[in-house]
Amino acid sequence: MSKLVAKGAEADVYEGKLAGTRVMRKIRKSKAYRVKALDEKIRLSRTRKEARLLHSAKEAGVRCPLVLSVRRYEIAMSKLDGRLMMKVDARTAEQVCASAGTLLATLHSAGISHGDYTPANIVIRKGEAWIIDFGLGEFTLDDEDFATDILLMKKSLSKRAYSKFKKAYCRSRGKRAGATLERLVEIEKRGRYVVRGALA
């Protein structure tokens, strides 16, 4: 019997079993406001893409759930035992920041952006970071996408924690980190400009 553990705008997540193994099932929900044929096409496309992202990330050595089965609008994946980074104390979160930075660098080096890389989507297991929820991920080589992942973490962390995260990212990504961080500065400048304009 499956148990609902999370409700999202696009999908619900259930915990259950598959062939005796504990799994998490992510099921994309129908949207009544969309034309049925379009709704089915979107849900099918997004389900398949997320499964491919997870598979590619796993092959690249990224710590993330293992895809066990894919149905029309559903992905069954291995359950990760651990705690969400957003739900632990500041000290524990800080201790895993370097791991989270290295993990993101590995993901980017594989040509994947996460799209929602925040403590809400990082599970801490045995002192290491694992990534979950690739629903907003993309296959990409665009530094804008990679920089956005970093920016989301920067906004979520203290200065000290972000410093550890950034150093680990740069160390693992090598020369490619420079271009991504330059784009990050550009994005932040655009953000400040928009804010100033809105207040003028």
Protein backbone atom coordinates (compact mmCIF):
# COMPACT_ATOMS: atom_id res chain seq x y z
CA MET A 1 0.00 0.00 0.00
CA SER A 2 1.36 3.41 -0.99
CA LYS A 3 1.47 6.40 1.37
CA LEU A 4 1.34 10.00 0.16
CA VAL A 5 4.44 11.80 1.44
CA ALA A 6 4.51 15.00 -0.63
CA LYS A 7 2.14 17.03 -2.78
CA GLY A 8 3.48 19.37 -5.43
CA ALA A 9 2.09 21.61 -8.14
CA GLU A 10 3.06 19.15 -10.87
CA ALA A 11 3.25 15.81 -9.11
CA ASP A 12 2.53 13.85 -5.94
CA VAL A 13 5.07 11.52 -4.31
CA TYR A 14 4.12 8.24 -2.64
CA GLU A 15 6.15 5.80 -0.60
CA GLY A 16 5.53 2.11 -1.23
CA LYS A 17 7.13 -1.14 -2.34
CA LEU A 18 8.12 -2.64 -5.67
CA ALA A 19 9.08 -6.32 -5.71
CA GLY A 20 9.71 -6.08 -1.96
CA THR A 21 11.93 -3.01 -2.26
CA ARG A 22 11.02 0.32 -0.69
CA VAL A 23 10.46 2.89 -3.41
CA MET A 24 9.26 6.42 -4.01
CA ARG A 25 6.68 6.88 -6.76
CA LYS A 26 6.39 10.28 -8.41
CA ILE A 27 3.12 10.63 -10.30
CA ARG A 28 2.42 13.66 -12.50
CA LYS A 29 -1.09 14.96 -12.02
CA SER A 30 -3.63 15.88 -14.68
CA LYS A 31 -4.37 19.59 -15.09
CA ALA A 32 -8.06 20.29 -15.70
CA TYR A 33 -7.33 23.69 -17.29
CA ARG A 34 -5.34 22.10 -20.12
CA VAL A 35 -6.81 20.45 -23.20
CA LYS A 36 -6.72 16.71 -22.47
CA ALA A 37 -4.49 15.74 -25.41
CA LEU A 38 -2.01 18.52 -24.58
CA ASP A 39 -2.08 17.66 -20.89
CA GLU A 40 -1.24 14.02 -21.61
CA LYS A 41 1.56 15.02 -23.98
CA ILE A 42 3.13 17.40 -21.43
CA ARG A 43 2.91 14.92 -18.55
CA LEU A 44 4.35 12.10 -20.65
CA SER A 45 7.19 14.26 -21.98
CA ARG A 46 8.15 15.59 -18.55
CA THR A 47 8.02 12.15 -16.95
CA ARG A 48 10.29 10.66 -19.59
CA LYS A 49 12.72 13.59 -19.44
CA GLU A 50 13.03 13.39 -15.66
CA ALA A 51 13.72 9.66 -15.88
CA ARG A 52 16.45 10.31 -18.48
CA LEU A 53 17.97 13.04 -16.32
CA LEU A 54 18.10 10.76 -13.29
CA HIS A 55 19.60 7.92 -15.32
CA SER A 56 22.26 10.17 -16.91
CA ALA A 57 23.11 11.74 -13.56
CA LYS A 58 23.52 8.31 -11.95
CA GLU A 59 25.76 7.16 -14.81
CA ALA A 60 27.93 10.27 -14.29
CA GLY A 61 28.46 9.34 -10.65
CA VAL A 62 25.97 11.78 -9.15
CA ARG A 63 24.43 10.61 -5.88
CA CYS A 64 20.71 10.52 -6.66
CA PRO A 65 17.83 8.01 -6.63
CA LEU A 66 18.04 5.01 -8.94
CA VAL A 67 15.23 4.75 -11.49
CA LEU A 68 13.56 1.36 -11.08
CA SER A 69 10.63 1.67 -13.47
CA VAL A 70 8.92 4.24 -15.68
CA ARG A 71 5.25 4.17 -16.55
CA ARG A 72 3.23 6.66 -18.56
CA TYR A 73 3.12 9.43 -15.95
CA GLU A 74 5.00 7.74 -13.12
CA ILE A 75 8.60 7.16 -12.06
CA ALA A 76 9.42 4.59 -9.39
CA MET A 77 12.82 5.19 -7.83
CA SER A 78 14.87 3.97 -4.91
CA LYS A 79 14.05 5.52 -1.54
CA LEU A 80 16.84 7.53 0.06
CA ASP A 81 17.06 7.22 3.84
CA GLY A 82 18.37 10.43 5.31
CA ARG A 83 17.37 13.96 6.28
CA LEU A 84 16.60 16.90 4.08
CA MET A 85 19.29 19.56 4.31
CA MET A 86 16.59 22.18 4.92
CA LYS A 87 15.43 20.37 8.06
CA VAL A 88 18.73 20.00 9.90
CA ASP A 89 20.43 22.53 12.15
CA ALA A 90 22.75 25.18 10.67
CA ARG A 91 25.91 23.40 11.82
CA THR A 92 24.95 20.10 10.22
CA ALA A 93 23.89 21.86 7.00
CA GLU A 94 27.21 23.70 6.87
CA GLN A 95 29.14 20.45 7.25
CA VAL A 96 27.58 19.06 4.07
CA CYS A 97 28.02 22.20 1.94
CA ALA A 98 31.31 21.07 0.44
CA SER A 99 29.70 17.76 -0.51
CA ALA A 100 26.78 19.63 -2.10
CA GLY A 101 29.18 21.81 -4.09
CA THR A 102 31.14 18.84 -5.39
CA LEU A 103 27.91 17.07 -6.29
CA LEU A 104 26.61 20.03 -8.29
CA ALA A 105 29.92 20.31 -10.14
CA THR A 106 29.65 16.65 -11.12
CA LEU A 107 26.10 17.21 -12.35
CA HIS A 108 27.10 20.24 -14.43
CA SER A 109 30.10 18.43 -15.88
CA ALA A 110 27.63 15.81 -17.11
CA GLY A 111 25.69 18.52 -18.96
CA ILE A 112 22.74 18.66 -16.58
CA SER A 113 21.24 21.57 -14.66
CA HIS A 114 19.00 20.75 -11.72
CA GLY A 115 16.69 23.76 -11.91
CA ASP A 116 15.83 23.78 -8.19
CA TYR A 117 19.11 23.14 -6.39
CA THR A 118 18.22 24.15 -2.84
CA PRO A 119 18.42 22.53 0.62
CA ALA A 120 14.83 21.36 0.02
CA ASN A 121 16.11 18.96 -2.65
CA ILE A 122 19.28 17.73 -0.97
CA VAL A 123 19.20 14.67 1.28
CA ILE A 124 21.99 14.12 3.81
CA ARG A 125 23.04 10.47 4.05
CA LYS A 126 26.07 9.43 6.12
CA GLY A 127 27.50 12.94 5.94
CA GLU A 128 27.17 13.29 2.16
CA ALA A 129 24.75 15.18 -0.07
CA TRP A 130 22.36 13.37 -2.42
CA ILE A 131 20.13 15.14 -4.94
CA ILE A 132 16.42 14.50 -5.39
CA ASP A 133 13.64 15.92 -7.59
CA PHE A 134 14.89 16.51 -11.13
CA GLY A 135 11.47 17.78 -12.26
CA LEU A 136 12.86 21.16 -13.36
CA GLY A 137 16.14 19.79 -14.68
CA GLU A 138 17.49 20.17 -18.20
CA PHE A 139 20.16 18.70 -20.42
CA THR A 140 22.24 21.78 -21.14
CA LEU A 141 25.70 23.25 -21.62
CA ASP A 142 24.54 26.82 -20.93
CA ASP A 143 26.40 28.58 -18.12
CA GLU A 144 23.25 30.60 -17.45
CA ASP A 145 21.49 27.42 -16.36
CA PHE A 146 24.44 26.29 -14.26
CA ALA A 147 24.81 29.73 -12.65
CA THR A 148 21.13 29.71 -11.72
CA ASP A 149 21.67 26.46 -9.79
CA ILE A 150 24.49 28.12 -7.84
CA LEU A 151 22.45 31.27 -7.23
CA LEU A 152 19.62 29.26 -5.68
CA MET A 153 22.03 27.74 -3.19
CA LYS A 154 23.70 31.08 -2.50
CA LYS A 155 20.33 32.57 -1.56
CA SER A 156 19.65 29.62 0.75
CA LEU A 157 22.94 29.54 2.66
CA SER A 158 24.83 31.70 5.13
CA LYS A 159 27.97 33.44 3.78
CA ARG A 160 30.23 30.95 5.52
CA ALA A 161 28.28 27.93 4.28
CA TYR A 162 28.14 29.32 0.73
CA SER A 163 31.91 29.89 0.79
CA LYS A 164 32.45 26.19 1.49
CA PHE A 165 29.95 25.23 -1.20
CA LYS A 166 31.56 27.52 -3.79
CA LYS A 167 35.13 26.39 -3.06
CA ALA A 168 34.17 22.75 -3.45
CA TYR A 169 32.30 23.48 -6.68
CA CYS A 170 35.28 25.32 -8.17
CA ARG A 171 37.74 22.65 -7.06
CA SER A 172 35.68 19.89 -8.67
CA ARG A 173 34.65 21.71 -11.84
CA GLY A 174 38.09 23.12 -12.66
CA LYS A 175 38.45 25.71 -15.41
CA ARG A 176 34.78 25.47 -16.41
CA ALA A 177 33.77 26.92 -13.05
CA GLY A 178 35.17 30.32 -14.02
CA ALA A 179 32.71 30.89 -16.87
CA THR A 180 29.79 29.77 -14.71
CA LEU A 181 30.73 32.11 -11.86
CA GLU A 182 31.14 35.01 -14.29
CA ARG A 183 27.61 34.37 -15.50
CA LEU A 184 26.45 34.26 -11.88
CA VAL A 185 27.76 37.80 -11.37
CA GLU A 186 25.89 38.93 -14.50
CA ILE A 187 22.65 37.38 -13.26
CA GLU A 188 22.98 39.06 -9.87
CA LYS A 189 23.64 42.43 -11.52
CA ARG A 190 20.52 42.04 -13.64
CA GLY A 191 18.56 41.21 -10.51
CA ARG A 192 19.74 44.35 -8.72
CA TYR A 193 18.95 46.46 -11.76
CA VAL A 194 15.39 45.09 -11.89
CA VAL A 195 14.88 45.82 -8.20
CA ARG A 196 16.15 49.39 -8.53
CA GLY A 197 13.94 49.93 -11.55
CA ALA A 198 10.90 48.62 -9.72
CA LEU A 199 11.49 50.99 -6.83
CA ALA A 200 12.12 54.05 -9.00
